[in-house]
Amino acid sequence: MEESNTVENVAASELRQFIERVERLEEERQGIADDIKDIFGEAKSRGYDTKAMKTIIRLRKKDANERAEEESILQTYMAALGME
């Protein structure tokens, strides 16, 4: 019985550590999200289009081939809908 109690305490302690680590990271993530929001707010106040900036950031995450394929599909769909 005593050994079982010790195992439960160790597991509870380890579980608590995992949870606390995740909680700290979530706090950091929220801080980073707030910083990003502030940057977009500053850019908007200076006249930049933040929607376009977000699109550019999303596109920069992709490699050139993936971007070209996406643009080609978009052009094809737009043409099919008479949007060109």
N, C-alpha and C. Protein backbone atom coordinates (compact mmCIF):
# COMPACT_ATOMS: atom_id res chain seq x y z
N MET A 1 0.83 -1.19 0.00
CA MET A 1 0.00 0.00 0.00
C MET A 1 0.87 1.25 0.00
N GLU A 2 1.94 1.22 0.78
CA GLU A 2 2.83 2.38 0.88
C GLU A 2 3.52 2.66 -0.45
N GLU A 3 3.93 1.60 -1.15
CA GLU A 3 4.59 1.76 -2.45
C GLU A 3 3.62 2.37 -3.46
N SER A 4 2.36 1.93 -3.46
CA SER A 4 1.35 2.45 -4.35
C SER A 4 1.13 3.94 -4.11
N ASN A 5 1.12 4.35 -2.86
CA ASN A 5 0.94 5.75 -2.51
C ASN A 5 2.10 6.58 -3.04
N THR A 6 3.32 6.06 -2.94
CA THR A 6 4.50 6.75 -3.43
C THR A 6 4.43 6.93 -4.95
N VAL A 7 4.03 5.87 -5.65
CA VAL A 7 3.89 5.95 -7.11
C VAL A 7 2.86 7.00 -7.49
N GLU A 8 1.74 7.03 -6.78
CA GLU A 8 0.71 8.02 -7.06
C GLU A 8 1.23 9.43 -6.82
N ASN A 9 2.03 9.61 -5.77
CA ASN A 9 2.59 10.94 -5.49
C ASN A 9 3.56 11.35 -6.58
N VAL A 10 4.40 10.41 -7.02
CA VAL A 10 5.35 10.73 -8.08
C VAL A 10 4.59 11.06 -9.36
N ALA A 11 3.59 10.26 -9.71
CA ALA A 11 2.81 10.52 -10.92
C ALA A 11 2.08 11.86 -10.81
N ALA A 12 1.53 12.16 -9.66
CA ALA A 12 0.83 13.43 -9.47
C ALA A 12 1.80 14.60 -9.60
N SER A 13 2.99 14.43 -9.04
CA SER A 13 4.00 15.49 -9.13
C SER A 13 4.43 15.71 -10.58
N GLU A 14 4.65 14.62 -11.30
CA GLU A 14 5.06 14.72 -12.70
C GLU A 14 3.94 15.34 -13.53
N LEU A 15 2.70 14.91 -13.28
CA LEU A 15 1.56 15.46 -13.99
C LEU A 15 1.43 16.95 -13.74
N ARG A 16 1.61 17.36 -12.50
CA ARG A 16 1.54 18.78 -12.14
C ARG A 16 2.61 19.57 -12.90
N GLN A 17 3.80 19.01 -13.01
CA GLN A 17 4.88 19.69 -13.73
C GLN A 17 4.53 19.88 -15.20
N PHE A 18 3.98 18.82 -15.82
CA PHE A 18 3.58 18.94 -17.22
C PHE A 18 2.53 20.04 -17.39
N ILE A 19 1.54 20.03 -16.53
CA ILE A 19 0.47 21.02 -16.62
C ILE A 19 1.00 22.43 -16.42
N GLU A 20 1.88 22.61 -15.45
CA GLU A 20 2.44 23.94 -15.20
C GLU A 20 3.30 24.41 -16.36
N ARG A 21 4.03 23.49 -17.00
CA ARG A 21 4.82 23.87 -18.17
C ARG A 21 3.92 24.35 -19.30
N VAL A 22 2.83 23.62 -19.53
CA VAL A 22 1.88 24.02 -20.59
C VAL A 22 1.27 25.37 -20.26
N GLU A 23 0.90 25.56 -19.00
CA GLU A 23 0.31 26.84 -18.60
C GLU A 23 1.28 28.00 -18.83
N ARG A 24 2.54 27.80 -18.51
CA ARG A 24 3.54 28.86 -18.75
C ARG A 24 3.67 29.16 -20.24
N LEU A 25 3.70 28.12 -21.06
CA LEU A 25 3.80 28.32 -22.50
C LEU A 25 2.57 29.03 -23.06
N GLU A 26 1.40 28.69 -22.53
CA GLU A 26 0.18 29.38 -22.98
C GLU A 26 0.23 30.86 -22.62
N GLU A 27 0.78 31.19 -21.46
CA GLU A 27 0.94 32.60 -21.08
C GLU A 27 1.89 33.30 -22.04
N GLU A 28 2.99 32.63 -22.38
CA GLU A 28 3.95 33.21 -23.32
C GLU A 28 3.30 33.40 -24.68
N ARG A 29 2.53 32.39 -25.12
CA ARG A 29 1.88 32.48 -26.42
C ARG A 29 0.92 33.68 -26.45
N GLN A 30 0.18 33.88 -25.36
CA GLN A 30 -0.74 35.02 -25.30
C GLN A 30 0.03 36.33 -25.36
N GLY A 31 1.17 36.38 -24.68
CA GLY A 31 2.01 37.58 -24.72
C GLY A 31 2.49 37.86 -26.13
N ILE A 32 2.91 36.81 -26.84
CA ILE A 32 3.37 36.97 -28.22
C ILE A 32 2.21 37.41 -29.12
N ALA A 33 1.04 36.82 -28.93
CA ALA A 33 -0.13 37.21 -29.72
C ALA A 33 -0.47 38.69 -29.49
N ASP A 34 -0.35 39.13 -28.24
CA ASP A 34 -0.60 40.54 -27.94
C ASP A 34 0.43 41.44 -28.63
N ASP A 35 1.70 41.00 -28.65
CA ASP A 35 2.75 41.77 -29.32
C ASP A 35 2.48 41.88 -30.82
N ILE A 36 2.06 40.77 -31.42
CA ILE A 36 1.76 40.77 -32.86
C ILE A 36 0.58 41.71 -33.14
N LYS A 37 -0.42 41.66 -32.30
CA LYS A 37 -1.58 42.55 -32.45
C LYS A 37 -1.14 44.01 -32.37
N ASP A 38 -0.24 44.31 -31.44
CA ASP A 38 0.27 45.68 -31.31
C ASP A 38 1.01 46.12 -32.57
N ILE A 39 1.80 45.21 -33.16
CA ILE A 39 2.55 45.55 -34.37
C ILE A 39 1.58 45.85 -35.51
N PHE A 40 0.55 45.02 -35.66
CA PHE A 40 -0.43 45.27 -36.72
C PHE A 40 -1.17 46.58 -36.46
N GLY A 41 -1.46 46.87 -35.21
CA GLY A 41 -2.11 48.14 -34.88
C GLY A 41 -1.24 49.33 -35.25
N GLU A 42 0.05 49.22 -34.97
CA GLU A 42 0.98 50.30 -35.32
C GLU A 42 1.07 50.47 -36.84
N ALA A 43 1.15 49.33 -37.56
CA ALA A 43 1.23 49.40 -39.02
C ALA A 43 -0.05 50.03 -39.59
N LYS A 44 -1.19 49.65 -39.05
CA LYS A 44 -2.46 50.21 -39.52
C LYS A 44 -2.52 51.71 -39.27
N SER A 45 -2.03 52.14 -38.11
CA SER A 45 -2.05 53.57 -37.79
C SER A 45 -1.14 54.37 -38.71
N ARG A 46 -0.19 53.70 -39.34
CA ARG A 46 0.71 54.36 -40.29
C ARG A 46 0.23 54.22 -41.73
N GLY A 47 -0.97 53.65 -41.88
CA GLY A 47 -1.57 53.60 -43.21
C GLY A 47 -1.37 52.31 -43.98
N TYR A 48 -0.78 51.29 -43.38
CA TYR A 48 -0.58 50.02 -44.07
C TYR A 48 -1.84 49.18 -44.00
N ASP A 49 -2.08 48.38 -45.02
CA ASP A 49 -3.22 47.47 -45.08
C ASP A 49 -2.81 46.18 -44.38
N THR A 50 -3.35 45.97 -43.20
CA THR A 50 -2.92 44.82 -42.39
C THR A 50 -3.41 43.49 -42.98
N LYS A 51 -4.53 43.52 -43.68
CA LYS A 51 -5.01 42.30 -44.33
C LYS A 51 -4.00 41.84 -45.39
N ALA A 52 -3.50 42.79 -46.16
CA ALA A 52 -2.48 42.47 -47.18
C ALA A 52 -1.19 41.99 -46.51
N MET A 53 -0.82 42.62 -45.39
CA MET A 53 0.38 42.19 -44.67
C MET A 53 0.24 40.74 -44.19
N LYS A 54 -0.94 40.40 -43.66
CA LYS A 54 -1.16 39.03 -43.18
C LYS A 54 -1.10 38.03 -44.33
N THR A 55 -1.62 38.43 -45.49
CA THR A 55 -1.54 37.57 -46.67
C THR A 55 -0.10 37.34 -47.07
N ILE A 56 0.69 38.40 -47.08
CA ILE A 56 2.10 38.28 -47.43
C ILE A 56 2.83 37.36 -46.45
N ILE A 57 2.55 37.51 -45.17
CA ILE A 57 3.18 36.66 -44.15
C ILE A 57 2.82 35.20 -44.39
N ARG A 58 1.54 34.95 -44.69
CA ARG A 58 1.10 33.58 -44.97
C ARG A 58 1.81 33.02 -46.20
N LEU A 59 1.93 33.83 -47.25
CA LEU A 59 2.58 33.39 -48.48
C LEU A 59 4.07 33.16 -48.29
N ARG A 60 4.71 33.97 -47.47
CA ARG A 60 6.15 33.82 -47.25
C ARG A 60 6.50 32.52 -46.52
N LYS A 61 5.52 31.94 -45.85
CA LYS A 61 5.74 30.67 -45.16
C LYS A 61 5.81 29.50 -46.12
N LYS A 62 5.32 29.70 -47.35
CA LYS A 62 5.29 28.63 -48.35
C LYS A 62 6.50 28.73 -49.26
N ASP A 63 6.90 27.59 -49.83
CA ASP A 63 7.99 27.66 -50.80
C ASP A 63 7.45 28.15 -52.14
N ALA A 64 8.34 28.50 -53.04
CA ALA A 64 7.95 29.11 -54.31
C ALA A 64 7.04 28.20 -55.13
N ASN A 65 7.32 26.90 -55.15
CA ASN A 65 6.50 25.97 -55.94
C ASN A 65 5.08 25.88 -55.39
N GLU A 66 4.97 25.81 -54.08
CA GLU A 66 3.65 25.73 -53.46
C GLU A 66 2.85 27.00 -53.73
N ARG A 67 3.54 28.15 -53.67
CA ARG A 67 2.89 29.43 -53.95
C ARG A 67 2.43 29.51 -55.39
N ALA A 68 3.28 29.08 -56.31
CA ALA A 68 2.95 29.12 -57.74
C ALA A 68 1.75 28.21 -58.04
N GLU A 69 1.73 27.04 -57.43
CA GLU A 69 0.61 26.12 -57.63
C GLU A 69 -0.69 26.72 -57.11
N GLU A 70 -0.63 27.32 -55.93
CA GLU A 70 -1.82 27.95 -55.35
C GLU A 70 -2.32 29.09 -56.23
N GLU A 71 -1.40 29.91 -56.74
CA GLU A 71 -1.78 31.02 -57.60
C GLU A 71 -2.38 30.53 -58.91
N SER A 72 -1.83 29.44 -59.45
CA SER A 72 -2.34 28.87 -60.70
C SER A 72 -3.76 28.37 -60.52
N ILE A 73 -4.00 27.67 -59.42
CA ILE A 73 -5.35 27.16 -59.14
C ILE A 73 -6.32 28.33 -58.95
N LEU A 74 -5.88 29.34 -58.23
CA LEU A 74 -6.72 30.51 -58.00
C LEU A 74 -7.09 31.17 -59.32
N GLN A 75 -6.11 31.34 -60.22
CA GLN A 75 -6.38 31.94 -61.53
C GLN A 75 -7.36 31.09 -62.33
N THR A 76 -7.20 29.78 -62.28
CA THR A 76 -8.09 28.88 -62.99
C THR A 76 -9.52 29.02 -62.47
N TYR A 77 -9.68 29.02 -61.17
CA TYR A 77 -11.02 29.16 -60.56
C TYR A 77 -11.63 30.52 -60.89
N MET A 78 -10.82 31.57 -60.83
CA MET A 78 -11.33 32.90 -61.13
C MET A 78 -11.80 32.98 -62.59
N ALA A 79 -11.01 32.39 -63.48
CA ALA A 79 -11.39 32.38 -64.90
C ALA A 79 -12.68 31.60 -65.09
N ALA A 80 -12.83 30.49 -64.41
CA ALA A 80 -14.04 29.67 -64.54
C ALA A 80 -15.27 30.43 -64.07
N LEU A 81 -15.09 31.33 -63.13
CA LEU A 81 -16.20 32.11 -62.59
C LEU A 81 -16.37 33.45 -63.29
N GLY A 82 -15.54 33.70 -64.32
CA GLY A 82 -15.64 34.95 -65.08
C GLY A 82 -15.16 36.15 -64.31
N MET A 83 -14.22 35.95 -63.43
CA MET A 83 -13.74 37.04 -62.58
C MET A 83 -12.49 37.73 -63.14
N GLU A 84 -12.03 37.31 -64.30
CA GLU A 84 -10.82 37.92 -64.85
C GLU A 84 -11.16 38.86 -65.95
